[in-house]
Amino acid sequence: MDTKHQSPEYLRQLIREGQLTHHTSGMAEDYIQANVVILPSTYAYDFLKFCFRNPKTCPLLDVSEVGSPSFPYYGQQTDIHTDVSRYRVYRQGKFIEERDEISDLYTEDMVSFLIGCSFTFEHALLESDIPVRHIEEGHNVPMYRTTIPAQPSGQFAGNITVSMRPMTMSQAIKATEITSHFKHVHGTPIHIGNPEHIGIIGIQNINVPNYGEAVTIHPNEVPVFWGCGVTPQSVALDAKPELMITHAPGHMFITDIKDSE
């Protein structure tokens, strides 16, 4: 199926019916994709502050009303119970399970957050002839936990997570310029460096990502790292809310809003 040119509504329907279960990179060209964090309302204010204090890794797009399965702007006719192809469930800061819907876990006390995702700007990179290697190789983007601390807010504290796309240095400069126009989906890179220098941000082995899958890095290329919306999953290990639900890495919420908006 050509998921690149399908509408968000149609793709969410396939996800809801269990017909589309894999990662969403490259889908719904021109539409914004989002990371998802769902929390009991008692944690919502601290998490809201965490997003505002860490806009490169957690650029906040939209917040639901308490108990609402939809969003005021980015998905008015959506259902957060079912419209993500894979969810992750955390209890007391520990990962419990992955599942394909959360209807039995979502209560009237929950608040859902949409956070900008770097999948959104990949179409702009491709249009400028900048390679997106994980799309070329047909799998999920590699993501790495770093030693770069996020700005804390209440119980939410810890180090940020980054996603990586390899390219030549000249392409990296061009990609930085392009993504400067995408501040709502992580904006410019956090780090650009040779593979042997990535230890400076706490990555010991570029071929062993913490999430996603490793990609080929050609001899003339450098890894380019962007902030990643998986960061809340990392800080959840320290925040330890009694329940936290997120998207599984690479399985994004496809919104109704176009990049151009």
C-alpha atoms as a PDB file:
ATOM      1  CA  MET A   1       0.000   0.000   0.000  1.00  0.00           C
ATOM      2  CA  ASP A   2       1.151   3.522  -0.789  1.00  0.00           C
ATOM      3  CA  THR A   3       0.842   5.060   2.694  1.00  0.00           C
ATOM      4  CA  LYS A   4       2.862   8.136   1.674  1.00  0.00           C
ATOM      5  CA  HIS A   5      -0.061   9.725  -0.180  1.00  0.00           C
ATOM      6  CA  GLN A   6      -2.984   8.533   1.968  1.00  0.00           C
ATOM      7  CA  SER A   7      -4.988  10.920   4.137  1.00  0.00           C
ATOM      8  CA  PRO A   8      -4.485  10.991   7.925  1.00  0.00           C
ATOM      9  CA  GLU A   9      -8.124  10.030   8.441  1.00  0.00           C
ATOM     10  CA  TYR A  10      -7.780   6.929   6.255  1.00  0.00           C
ATOM     11  CA  LEU A  11      -4.503   5.845   7.878  1.00  0.00           C
ATOM     12  CA  ARG A  12      -5.935   6.284  11.379  1.00  0.00           C
ATOM     13  CA  GLN A  13      -8.912   4.159  10.331  1.00  0.00           C
ATOM     14  CA  LEU A  14      -6.544   1.383   9.233  1.00  0.00           C
ATOM     15  CA  ILE A  15      -4.690   1.679  12.545  1.00  0.00           C
ATOM     16  CA  ARG A  16      -7.969   1.596  14.497  1.00  0.00           C
ATOM     17  CA  GLU A  17      -9.022  -1.569  12.650  1.00  0.00           C
ATOM     18  CA  GLY A  18      -5.648  -3.251  13.238  1.00  0.00           C
ATOM     19  CA  GLN A  19      -4.771  -3.316   9.522  1.00  0.00           C
ATOM     20  CA  LEU A  20      -1.774  -0.980   9.874  1.00  0.00           C
ATOM     21  CA  THR A  21       0.568  -1.887  12.715  1.00  0.00           C
ATOM     22  CA  HIS A  22       4.096  -0.833  11.729  1.00  0.00           C
ATOM     23  CA  HIS A  23       6.027   2.407  12.262  1.00  0.00           C
ATOM     24  CA  THR A  24       4.711   5.548  10.560  1.00  0.00           C
ATOM     25  CA  SER A  25       7.893   7.042   9.068  1.00  0.00           C
ATOM     26  CA  GLY A  26       7.199   8.184   5.498  1.00  0.00           C
ATOM     27  CA  MET A  27       3.406   8.059   5.838  1.00  0.00           C
ATOM     28  CA  ALA A  28       0.900  10.864   5.143  1.00  0.00           C
ATOM     29  CA  GLU A  29       3.222  13.182   3.243  1.00  0.00           C
ATOM     30  CA  ASP A  30       2.810  16.859   4.191  1.00  0.00           C
ATOM     31  CA  TYR A  31       0.989  16.097   7.460  1.00  0.00           C
ATOM     32  CA  ILE A  32       2.426  16.540  10.941  1.00  0.00           C
ATOM     33  CA  GLN A  33       3.125  13.421  12.978  1.00  0.00           C
ATOM     34  CA  ALA A  34       3.248  13.570  16.758  1.00  0.00           C
ATOM     35  CA  ASN A  35       4.631  11.765  19.773  1.00  0.00           C
ATOM     36  CA  VAL A  36       2.071  10.894  22.446  1.00  0.00           C
ATOM     37  CA  VAL A  37       2.181  11.108  26.240  1.00  0.00           C
ATOM     38  CA  ILE A  38      -0.894  10.292  28.344  1.00  0.00           C
ATOM     39  CA  LEU A  39      -0.885  10.938  32.095  1.00  0.00           C
ATOM     40  CA  PRO A  40      -3.257  11.233  35.058  1.00  0.00           C
ATOM     41  CA  SER A  41      -4.274  14.881  35.438  1.00  0.00           C
ATOM     42  CA  THR A  42      -2.328  15.273  38.678  1.00  0.00           C
ATOM     43  CA  TYR A  43       0.905  15.140  36.628  1.00  0.00           C
ATOM     44  CA  ALA A  44      -0.307  17.272  33.723  1.00  0.00           C
ATOM     45  CA  TYR A  45       0.908  20.668  34.931  1.00  0.00           C
ATOM     46  CA  ASP A  46       4.435  19.476  35.715  1.00  0.00           C
ATOM     47  CA  PHE A  47       4.638  17.727  32.361  1.00  0.00           C
ATOM     48  CA  LEU A  48       3.339  20.820  30.584  1.00  0.00           C
ATOM     49  CA  LYS A  49       6.158  22.811  32.202  1.00  0.00           C
ATOM     50  CA  PHE A  50       8.645  20.103  31.227  1.00  0.00           C
ATOM     51  CA  CYS A  51       7.658  20.525  27.570  1.00  0.00           C
ATOM     52  CA  PHE A  52       7.979  24.298  27.686  1.00  0.00           C
ATOM     53  CA  ARG A  53      11.400  24.031  29.327  1.00  0.00           C
ATOM     54  CA  ASN A  54      12.646  21.503  26.746  1.00  0.00           C
ATOM     55  CA  PRO A  55      11.261  22.677  23.372  1.00  0.00           C
ATOM     56  CA  LYS A  56      13.999  20.980  21.290  1.00  0.00           C
ATOM     57  CA  THR A  57      13.073  17.519  22.544  1.00  0.00           C
ATOM     58  CA  CYS A  58       9.450  18.049  23.603  1.00  0.00           C
ATOM     59  CA  PRO A  59       7.902  20.709  21.317  1.00  0.00           C
ATOM     60  CA  LEU A  60       4.303  20.777  22.529  1.00  0.00           C
ATOM     61  CA  LEU A  61       1.656  20.783  19.787  1.00  0.00           C
ATOM     62  CA  ASP A  62      -1.649  20.161  21.537  1.00  0.00           C
ATOM     63  CA  VAL A  63      -3.207  19.063  24.839  1.00  0.00           C
ATOM     64  CA  SER A  64      -6.541  17.339  25.311  1.00  0.00           C
ATOM     65  CA  GLU A  65      -9.170  18.357  27.802  1.00  0.00           C
ATOM     66  CA  VAL A  66      -9.202  16.104  30.857  1.00  0.00           C
ATOM     67  CA  GLY A  67     -10.767  12.786  29.883  1.00  0.00           C
ATOM     68  CA  SER A  68     -11.204  13.707  26.206  1.00  0.00           C
ATOM     69  CA  PRO A  69     -10.026  11.201  23.560  1.00  0.00           C
ATOM     70  CA  SER A  70      -9.556  13.956  20.931  1.00  0.00           C
ATOM     71  CA  PHE A  71      -7.604  17.199  20.590  1.00  0.00           C
ATOM     72  CA  PRO A  72      -8.791  20.797  20.175  1.00  0.00           C
ATOM     73  CA  TYR A  73      -6.756  21.509  17.041  1.00  0.00           C
ATOM     74  CA  TYR A  74      -4.588  18.637  15.765  1.00  0.00           C
ATOM     75  CA  GLY A  75      -7.225  15.909  15.822  1.00  0.00           C
ATOM     76  CA  GLN A  76     -10.809  16.934  16.548  1.00  0.00           C
ATOM     77  CA  GLN A  77     -12.363  13.682  15.260  1.00  0.00           C
ATOM     78  CA  THR A  78      -9.694  11.304  16.560  1.00  0.00           C
ATOM     79  CA  ASP A  79      -9.687   8.708  19.306  1.00  0.00           C
ATOM     80  CA  ILE A  80      -6.498   8.493  21.354  1.00  0.00           C
ATOM     81  CA  HIS A  81      -7.644   5.091  22.675  1.00  0.00           C
ATOM     82  CA  THR A  82      -7.088   3.436  19.303  1.00  0.00           C
ATOM     83  CA  ASP A  83      -5.421   5.782  16.782  1.00  0.00           C
ATOM     84  CA  VAL A  84      -1.768   4.952  17.540  1.00  0.00           C
ATOM     85  CA  SER A  85      -0.447   1.752  15.966  1.00  0.00           C
ATOM     86  CA  ARG A  86       1.509   0.737  19.071  1.00  0.00           C
ATOM     87  CA  TYR A  87       1.376   2.032  22.655  1.00  0.00           C
ATOM     88  CA  ARG A  88       3.727   1.599  25.581  1.00  0.00           C
ATOM     89  CA  VAL A  89       2.478   1.352  29.163  1.00  0.00           C
ATOM     90  CA  TYR A  90       4.564   2.380  32.177  1.00  0.00           C
ATOM     91  CA  ARG A  91       3.644   1.942  35.849  1.00  0.00           C
ATOM     92  CA  GLN A  92       5.681   3.528  38.626  1.00  0.00           C
ATOM     93  CA  GLY A  93       8.362   4.373  36.054  1.00  0.00           C
ATOM     94  CA  LYS A  94       8.720   0.784  34.810  1.00  0.00           C
ATOM     95  CA  PHE A  95       7.869  -0.392  31.316  1.00  0.00           C
ATOM     96  CA  ILE A  96       5.074  -2.951  31.563  1.00  0.00           C
ATOM     97  CA  GLU A  97       3.881  -3.800  28.064  1.00  0.00           C
ATOM     98  CA  GLU A  98       3.195  -2.787  24.487  1.00  0.00           C
ATOM     99  CA  ARG A  99      -0.340  -2.982  23.116  1.00  0.00           C
ATOM    100  CA  ASP A 100      -2.379  -1.834  20.124  1.00  0.00           C
ATOM    101  CA  GLU A 101      -5.191  -0.031  22.013  1.00  0.00           C
ATOM    102  CA  ILE A 102      -5.734   1.401  25.488  1.00  0.00           C
ATOM    103  CA  SER A 103      -9.527   1.690  25.899  1.00  0.00           C
ATOM    104  CA  ASP A 104      -9.507  -0.230  29.169  1.00  0.00           C
ATOM    105  CA  LEU A 105      -6.698   1.899  30.650  1.00  0.00           C
ATOM    106  CA  TYR A 106      -7.901   5.388  29.692  1.00  0.00           C
ATOM    107  CA  THR A 107      -9.997   7.060  32.404  1.00  0.00           C
ATOM    108  CA  GLU A 108     -11.882  10.359  32.701  1.00  0.00           C
ATOM    109  CA  ASP A 109      -8.923  11.675  34.715  1.00  0.00           C
ATOM    110  CA  MET A 110      -6.358  11.317  31.893  1.00  0.00           C
ATOM    111  CA  VAL A 111      -4.750  14.117  29.874  1.00  0.00           C
ATOM    112  CA  SER A 112      -3.154  13.487  26.464  1.00  0.00           C
ATOM    113  CA  PHE A 113      -0.264  15.482  25.009  1.00  0.00           C
ATOM    114  CA  LEU A 114       0.884  15.669  21.378  1.00  0.00           C
ATOM    115  CA  ILE A 115       4.585  16.466  20.923  1.00  0.00           C
ATOM    116  CA  GLY A 116       6.227  17.323  17.606  1.00  0.00           C
ATOM    117  CA  CYS A 117       8.018  14.490  15.793  1.00  0.00           C
ATOM    118  CA  SER A 118      11.009  14.660  13.458  1.00  0.00           C
ATOM    119  CA  PHE A 119       9.221  12.363  10.979  1.00  0.00           C
ATOM    120  CA  THR A 120       7.388  15.532   9.939  1.00  0.00           C
ATOM    121  CA  PHE A 121      10.430  17.281   8.445  1.00  0.00           C
ATOM    122  CA  GLU A 122      11.736  14.194   6.656  1.00  0.00           C
ATOM    123  CA  HIS A 123       9.615  14.987   3.592  1.00  0.00           C
ATOM    124  CA  ALA A 124      11.318  18.395   3.331  1.00  0.00           C
ATOM    125  CA  LEU A 125      14.750  16.739   3.557  1.00  0.00           C
ATOM    126  CA  LEU A 126      13.881  14.261   0.818  1.00  0.00           C
ATOM    127  CA  GLU A 127      12.568  17.024  -1.431  1.00  0.00           C
ATOM    128  CA  SER A 128      15.982  18.708  -1.093  1.00  0.00           C
ATOM    129  CA  ASP A 129      17.799  15.476  -2.056  1.00  0.00           C
ATOM    130  CA  ILE A 130      19.043  14.879   1.489  1.00  0.00           C
ATOM    131  CA  PRO A 131      19.006  11.155   2.301  1.00  0.00           C
ATOM    132  CA  VAL A 132      16.828   9.732   5.057  1.00  0.00           C
ATOM    133  CA  ARG A 133      18.566   6.429   5.530  1.00  0.00           C
ATOM    134  CA  HIS A 134      16.019   4.588   7.649  1.00  0.00           C
ATOM    135  CA  ILE A 135      13.349   5.242   4.994  1.00  0.00           C
ATOM    136  CA  GLU A 136      15.762   4.026   2.298  1.00  0.00           C
ATOM    137  CA  GLU A 137      16.402   0.851   4.286  1.00  0.00           C
ATOM    138  CA  GLY A 138      12.757   0.344   5.245  1.00  0.00           C
ATOM    139  CA  HIS A 139      12.847   0.422   9.023  1.00  0.00           C
ATOM    140  CA  ASN A 140      12.536   2.647  12.076  1.00  0.00           C
ATOM    141  CA  VAL A 141      14.846   5.594  12.836  1.00  0.00           C
ATOM    142  CA  PRO A 142      17.708   4.888  15.308  1.00  0.00           C
ATOM    143  CA  MET A 143      17.268   6.646  18.666  1.00  0.00           C
ATOM    144  CA  TYR A 144      19.791   7.002  21.484  1.00  0.00           C
ATOM    145  CA  ARG A 145      19.694   8.021  25.124  1.00  0.00           C
ATOM    146  CA  THR A 146      22.319  10.676  25.837  1.00  0.00           C
ATOM    147  CA  THR A 147      24.021  12.201  28.853  1.00  0.00           C
ATOM    148  CA  ILE A 148      22.590  15.647  27.994  1.00  0.00           C
ATOM    149  CA  PRO A 149      20.314  16.654  30.902  1.00  0.00           C
ATOM    150  CA  ALA A 150      16.814  17.946  30.271  1.00  0.00           C
ATOM    151  CA  GLN A 151      15.543  20.916  32.249  1.00  0.00           C
ATOM    152  CA  PRO A 152      13.544  19.354  35.109  1.00  0.00           C
ATOM    153  CA  SER A 153       9.981  20.116  36.130  1.00  0.00           C
ATOM    154  CA  GLY A 154       8.586  18.637  39.306  1.00  0.00           C
ATOM    155  CA  GLN A 155       9.025  14.882  39.141  1.00  0.00           C
ATOM    156  CA  PHE A 156      10.059  14.979  35.485  1.00  0.00           C
ATOM    157  CA  ALA A 157      13.844  14.968  35.164  1.00  0.00           C
ATOM    158  CA  GLY A 158      16.533  13.019  33.331  1.00  0.00           C
ATOM    159  CA  ASN A 159      18.556  12.984  30.122  1.00  0.00           C
ATOM    160  CA  ILE A 160      17.277  13.630  26.612  1.00  0.00           C
ATOM    161  CA  THR A 161      16.917  11.121  23.787  1.00  0.00           C
ATOM    162  CA  VAL A 162      17.957  11.901  20.193  1.00  0.00           C
ATOM    163  CA  SER A 163      17.196  10.490  16.746  1.00  0.00           C
ATOM    164  CA  MET A 164      19.958  10.152  14.135  1.00  0.00           C
ATOM    165  CA  ARG A 165      20.189  10.504  10.356  1.00  0.00           C
ATOM    166  CA  PRO A 166      23.571  10.121   8.612  1.00  0.00           C
ATOM    167  CA  MET A 167      24.565  12.468   5.769  1.00  0.00           C
ATOM    168  CA  THR A 168      27.554  14.327   4.384  1.00  0.00           C
ATOM    169  CA  MET A 169      28.693  17.495   6.145  1.00  0.00           C
ATOM    170  CA  SER A 170      27.418  19.688   3.309  1.00  0.00           C
ATOM    171  CA  GLN A 171      24.040  17.955   3.523  1.00  0.00           C
ATOM    172  CA  ALA A 172      24.057  18.438   7.299  1.00  0.00           C
ATOM    173  CA  ILE A 173      24.504  22.182   6.840  1.00  0.00           C
ATOM    174  CA  LYS A 174      21.595  22.232   4.388  1.00  0.00           C
ATOM    175  CA  ALA A 175      19.480  20.064   6.708  1.00  0.00           C
ATOM    176  CA  THR A 176      20.141  22.486   9.573  1.00  0.00           C
ATOM    177  CA  GLU A 177      18.871  25.350   7.446  1.00  0.00           C
ATOM    178  CA  ILE A 178      15.763  23.403   6.407  1.00  0.00           C
ATOM    179  CA  THR A 179      14.850  22.224   9.900  1.00  0.00           C
ATOM    180  CA  SER A 180      15.262  25.722  11.329  1.00  0.00           C
ATOM    181  CA  HIS A 181      11.803  26.288   9.821  1.00  0.00           C
ATOM    182  CA  PHE A 182      10.354  23.320  11.741  1.00  0.00           C
ATOM    183  CA  LYS A 183      10.612  24.545  15.339  1.00  0.00           C
ATOM    184  CA  HIS A 184       7.337  22.812  16.249  1.00  0.00           C
ATOM    185  CA  VAL A 185       8.919  19.437  15.378  1.00  0.00           C
ATOM    186  CA  HIS A 186      12.355  19.667  17.052  1.00  0.00           C
ATOM    187  CA  GLY A 187      13.935  22.292  14.805  1.00  0.00           C
ATOM    188  CA  THR A 188      17.674  22.209  14.153  1.00  0.00           C
ATOM    189  CA  PRO A 189      20.039  19.369  15.137  1.00  0.00           C
ATOM    190  CA  ILE A 190      21.321  19.065  18.694  1.00  0.00           C
ATOM    191  CA  HIS A 191      24.667  17.566  17.668  1.00  0.00           C
ATOM    192  CA  ILE A 192      26.646  16.870  14.495  1.00  0.00           C
ATOM    193  CA  GLY A 193      29.809  14.822  14.777  1.00  0.00           C
ATOM    194  CA  ASN A 194      32.037  12.052  13.534  1.00  0.00           C
ATOM    195  CA  PRO A 195      31.150   8.572  14.797  1.00  0.00           C
ATOM    196  CA  GLU A 196      34.326   8.448  16.908  1.00  0.00           C
ATOM    197  CA  HIS A 197      33.321  11.668  18.706  1.00  0.00           C
ATOM    198  CA  ILE A 198      29.765  10.764  19.696  1.00  0.00           C
ATOM    199  CA  GLY A 199      30.889   9.763  23.187  1.00  0.00           C
ATOM    200  CA  ILE A 200      30.760  13.445  24.033  1.00  0.00           C
ATOM    201  CA  ILE A 201      26.965  13.153  24.266  1.00  0.00           C
ATOM    202  CA  GLY A 202      27.064   9.742  25.927  1.00  0.00           C
ATOM    203  CA  ILE A 203      26.567   7.417  22.945  1.00  0.00           C
ATOM    204  CA  GLN A 204      29.087   4.605  23.148  1.00  0.00           C
ATOM    205  CA  ASN A 205      28.176   2.574  20.066  1.00  0.00           C
ATOM    206  CA  ILE A 206      26.434   4.158  17.077  1.00  0.00           C
ATOM    207  CA  ASN A 207      25.515   0.674  15.811  1.00  0.00           C
ATOM    208  CA  VAL A 208      23.504  -0.153  18.940  1.00  0.00           C
ATOM    209  CA  PRO A 209      20.615   2.325  19.313  1.00  0.00           C
ATOM    210  CA  ASN A 210      18.444   2.240  22.430  1.00  0.00           C
ATOM    211  CA  TYR A 211      15.300   2.379  20.277  1.00  0.00           C
ATOM    212  CA  GLY A 212      14.628   1.761  16.594  1.00  0.00           C
ATOM    213  CA  GLU A 213      17.190   0.114  14.336  1.00  0.00           C
ATOM    214  CA  ALA A 214      20.741   0.919  13.280  1.00  0.00           C
ATOM    215  CA  VAL A 215      21.313   2.378   9.801  1.00  0.00           C
ATOM    216  CA  THR A 216      24.253   2.310   7.399  1.00  0.00           C
ATOM    217  CA  ILE A 217      26.702   5.206   7.746  1.00  0.00           C
ATOM    218  CA  HIS A 218      28.840   5.630   4.634  1.00  0.00           C
ATOM    219  CA  PRO A 219      32.539   6.605   4.937  1.00  0.00           C
ATOM    220  CA  ASN A 220      31.948  10.210   3.848  1.00  0.00           C
ATOM    221  CA  GLU A 221      29.018  10.751   6.219  1.00  0.00           C
ATOM    222  CA  VAL A 222      28.564  12.035   9.767  1.00  0.00           C
ATOM    223  CA  PRO A 223      25.724  11.233  12.170  1.00  0.00           C
ATOM    224  CA  VAL A 224      23.338  14.138  12.681  1.00  0.00           C
ATOM    225  CA  PHE A 225      21.245  14.095  15.867  1.00  0.00           C
ATOM    226  CA  TRP A 226      17.902  15.769  16.481  1.00  0.00           C
ATOM    227  CA  GLY A 227      15.933  16.008  19.704  1.00  0.00           C
ATOM    228  CA  CYS A 228      13.492  13.125  20.042  1.00  0.00           C
ATOM    229  CA  GLY A 229      10.009  12.891  21.523  1.00  0.00           C
ATOM    230  CA  VAL A 230      10.928   9.558  23.118  1.00  0.00           C
ATOM    231  CA  THR A 231      12.572  11.707  25.815  1.00  0.00           C
ATOM    232  CA  PRO A 232       9.458  11.554  28.077  1.00  0.00           C
ATOM    233  CA  GLN A 233       9.748   7.772  28.113  1.00  0.00           C
ATOM    234  CA  SER A 234      13.282   8.122  29.429  1.00  0.00           C
ATOM    235  CA  VAL A 235      12.408  10.626  32.132  1.00  0.00           C
ATOM    236  CA  ALA A 236       9.419   8.492  33.174  1.00  0.00           C
ATOM    237  CA  LEU A 237      11.943   6.131  34.714  1.00  0.00           C
ATOM    238  CA  ASP A 238      12.664   8.876  37.270  1.00  0.00           C
ATOM    239  CA  ALA A 239       9.229  10.535  37.483  1.00  0.00           C
ATOM    240  CA  LYS A 240       7.515   7.224  38.341  1.00  0.00           C
ATOM    241  CA  PRO A 241       3.863   8.210  37.771  1.00  0.00           C
ATOM    242  CA  GLU A 242       1.462   5.451  38.714  1.00  0.00           C
ATOM    243  CA  LEU A 243       0.455   5.232  35.046  1.00  0.00           C
ATOM    244  CA  MET A 244       1.976   6.717  31.896  1.00  0.00           C
ATOM    245  CA  ILE A 245       1.020   5.734  28.343  1.00  0.00           C
ATOM    246  CA  THR A 246       3.077   6.730  25.305  1.00  0.00           C
ATOM    247  CA  HIS A 247       3.455   5.806  21.655  1.00  0.00           C
ATOM    248  CA  ALA A 248       5.942   3.029  20.974  1.00  0.00           C
ATOM    249  CA  PRO A 249       9.096   4.490  19.357  1.00  0.00           C
ATOM    250  CA  GLY A 250       8.399   5.132  15.670  1.00  0.00           C
ATOM    251  CA  HIS A 251       4.633   4.580  15.961  1.00  0.00           C
ATOM    252  CA  MET A 252       3.359   8.154  15.781  1.00  0.00           C
ATOM    253  CA  PHE A 253      -0.028   9.833  15.942  1.00  0.00           C
ATOM    254  CA  ILE A 254      -0.851  11.177  12.471  1.00  0.00           C
ATOM    255  CA  THR A 255      -2.534  14.561  12.851  1.00  0.00           C
ATOM    256  CA  ASP A 256      -4.939  16.435  10.585  1.00  0.00           C
ATOM    257  CA  ILE A 257      -2.642  19.474  10.289  1.00  0.00           C
ATOM    258  CA  LYS A 258      -0.326  20.045   7.343  1.00  0.00           C
ATOM    259  CA  ASP A 259       3.332  21.014   7.686  1.00  0.00           C
ATOM    260  CA  SER A 260       2.582  24.283   5.899  1.00  0.00           C
ATOM    261  CA  GLU A 261       0.200  25.335   8.679  1.00  0.00           C
END
